[in-house]
Amino acid sequence: MPRSIQDILDHGDELARRFEDYEPDEADERPVEEYLLERAALDRARSERQIVEAIAKARSAGISWNAIGKILGTSAQAAQQRYGAVVERV
């Protein structure tokens, strides 16, 4: 849907007006600790995804589960049990 430059400028003005007129409501607020916990959970999920991708590449390069387990600070069996089925799907 093509828009004219004037449509875009008008939309920008409307957004600016809404931002300037915004009055926070107590329901909009949440404790900093809740926000930090959410960020930490997202970071952990991203890290877990990176680990799975790295293990998949390592396995396709012939790296043993024993070596992967050592890098992860666990046994080969524990690493394979945790990541083996997931890595096969990647």
Protein backbone atom coordinates (compact mmCIF):
# COMPACT_ATOMS: atom_id res chain seq x y z
CA MET A 1 0.00 0.00 0.00
CA PRO A 2 1.91 3.06 -1.22
CA ARG A 3 1.83 6.08 1.03
CA SER A 4 2.66 9.65 0.19
CA ILE A 5 5.36 11.59 1.95
CA GLN A 6 2.63 13.68 3.55
CA ASP A 7 0.95 10.52 4.90
CA ILE A 8 4.24 9.45 6.45
CA LEU A 9 4.85 12.91 7.96
CA ASP A 10 1.29 13.02 9.34
CA HIS A 11 1.74 9.59 10.88
CA GLY A 12 5.03 10.72 12.46
CA ASP A 13 3.32 13.80 13.89
CA GLU A 14 0.51 11.64 15.30
CA LEU A 15 3.01 9.30 16.97
CA ALA A 16 4.92 12.26 18.42
CA ARG A 17 1.69 13.76 19.77
CA ARG A 18 0.69 10.46 21.37
CA PHE A 19 4.13 10.12 22.93
CA GLU A 20 4.07 13.66 24.32
CA ASP A 21 0.53 13.23 25.70
CA TYR A 22 1.18 9.83 27.26
CA GLU A 23 0.61 9.64 30.99
CA PRO A 24 1.94 6.45 32.59
CA ASP A 25 -0.48 4.33 34.51
CA GLU A 26 0.55 2.36 37.59
CA ALA A 27 -0.49 -0.78 35.71
CA ASP A 28 2.21 0.01 33.10
CA GLU A 29 4.96 -0.16 35.69
CA ARG A 30 6.72 -3.26 36.89
CA PRO A 31 9.58 -3.86 39.29
CA VAL A 32 13.12 -3.57 37.93
CA GLU A 33 13.82 -7.03 39.32
CA GLU A 34 11.08 -8.49 37.11
CA TYR A 35 12.58 -6.81 34.05
CA LEU A 36 16.06 -8.07 34.95
CA LEU A 37 14.75 -11.60 35.42
CA GLU A 38 13.05 -11.47 32.02
CA ARG A 39 16.29 -10.25 30.39
CA ALA A 40 18.29 -13.01 32.09
CA ALA A 41 15.83 -15.66 30.86
CA LEU A 42 16.08 -14.32 27.30
CA ASP A 43 19.87 -14.28 27.51
CA ARG A 44 19.86 -17.88 28.75
CA ALA A 45 17.62 -18.95 25.86
CA ARG A 46 19.92 -17.25 23.34
CA SER A 47 22.95 -18.88 24.92
CA GLU A 48 21.30 -22.29 24.85
CA ARG A 49 20.51 -21.85 21.16
CA GLN A 50 24.17 -20.93 20.49
CA ILE A 51 25.33 -24.02 22.38
CA VAL A 52 23.02 -26.28 20.37
CA GLU A 53 24.20 -24.76 17.08
CA ALA A 54 27.85 -25.07 18.12
CA ILE A 55 27.39 -28.68 19.19
CA ALA A 56 25.69 -29.49 15.87
CA LYS A 57 28.65 -28.02 13.98
CA ALA A 58 31.13 -29.80 16.24
CA ARG A 59 29.39 -33.14 15.75
CA SER A 60 29.27 -32.68 11.97
CA ALA A 61 33.02 -31.94 12.11
CA GLY A 62 33.57 -35.24 13.93
CA ILE A 63 34.13 -33.88 17.45
CA SER A 64 33.39 -36.61 20.01
CA TRP A 65 30.78 -36.43 22.71
CA ASN A 66 33.64 -36.91 25.18
CA ALA A 67 35.32 -33.68 23.98
CA ILE A 68 31.98 -31.84 23.94
CA GLY A 69 31.21 -33.01 27.46
CA LYS A 70 34.59 -31.79 28.71
CA ILE A 71 34.05 -28.36 27.15
CA LEU A 72 30.59 -28.16 28.74
CA GLY A 73 31.95 -29.31 32.10
CA THR A 74 30.03 -32.57 32.13
CA SER A 75 30.37 -36.16 31.00
CA ALA A 76 30.05 -37.36 27.43
CA GLN A 77 26.92 -39.30 28.40
CA ALA A 78 25.26 -36.27 30.05
CA ALA A 79 26.06 -34.04 27.05
CA GLN A 80 24.70 -36.61 24.60
CA GLN A 81 21.56 -37.19 26.66
CA ARG A 82 20.88 -33.46 26.90
CA TYR A 83 21.77 -32.38 23.37
CA GLY A 84 21.90 -35.52 21.21
CA ALA A 85 18.28 -35.59 20.02
CA VAL A 86 18.13 -31.79 19.65
CA VAL A 87 21.34 -31.62 17.66
CA GLU A 88 20.09 -34.28 15.24
CA ARG A 89 17.12 -32.04 14.37
CA VAL A 90 19.26 -28.93 13.73
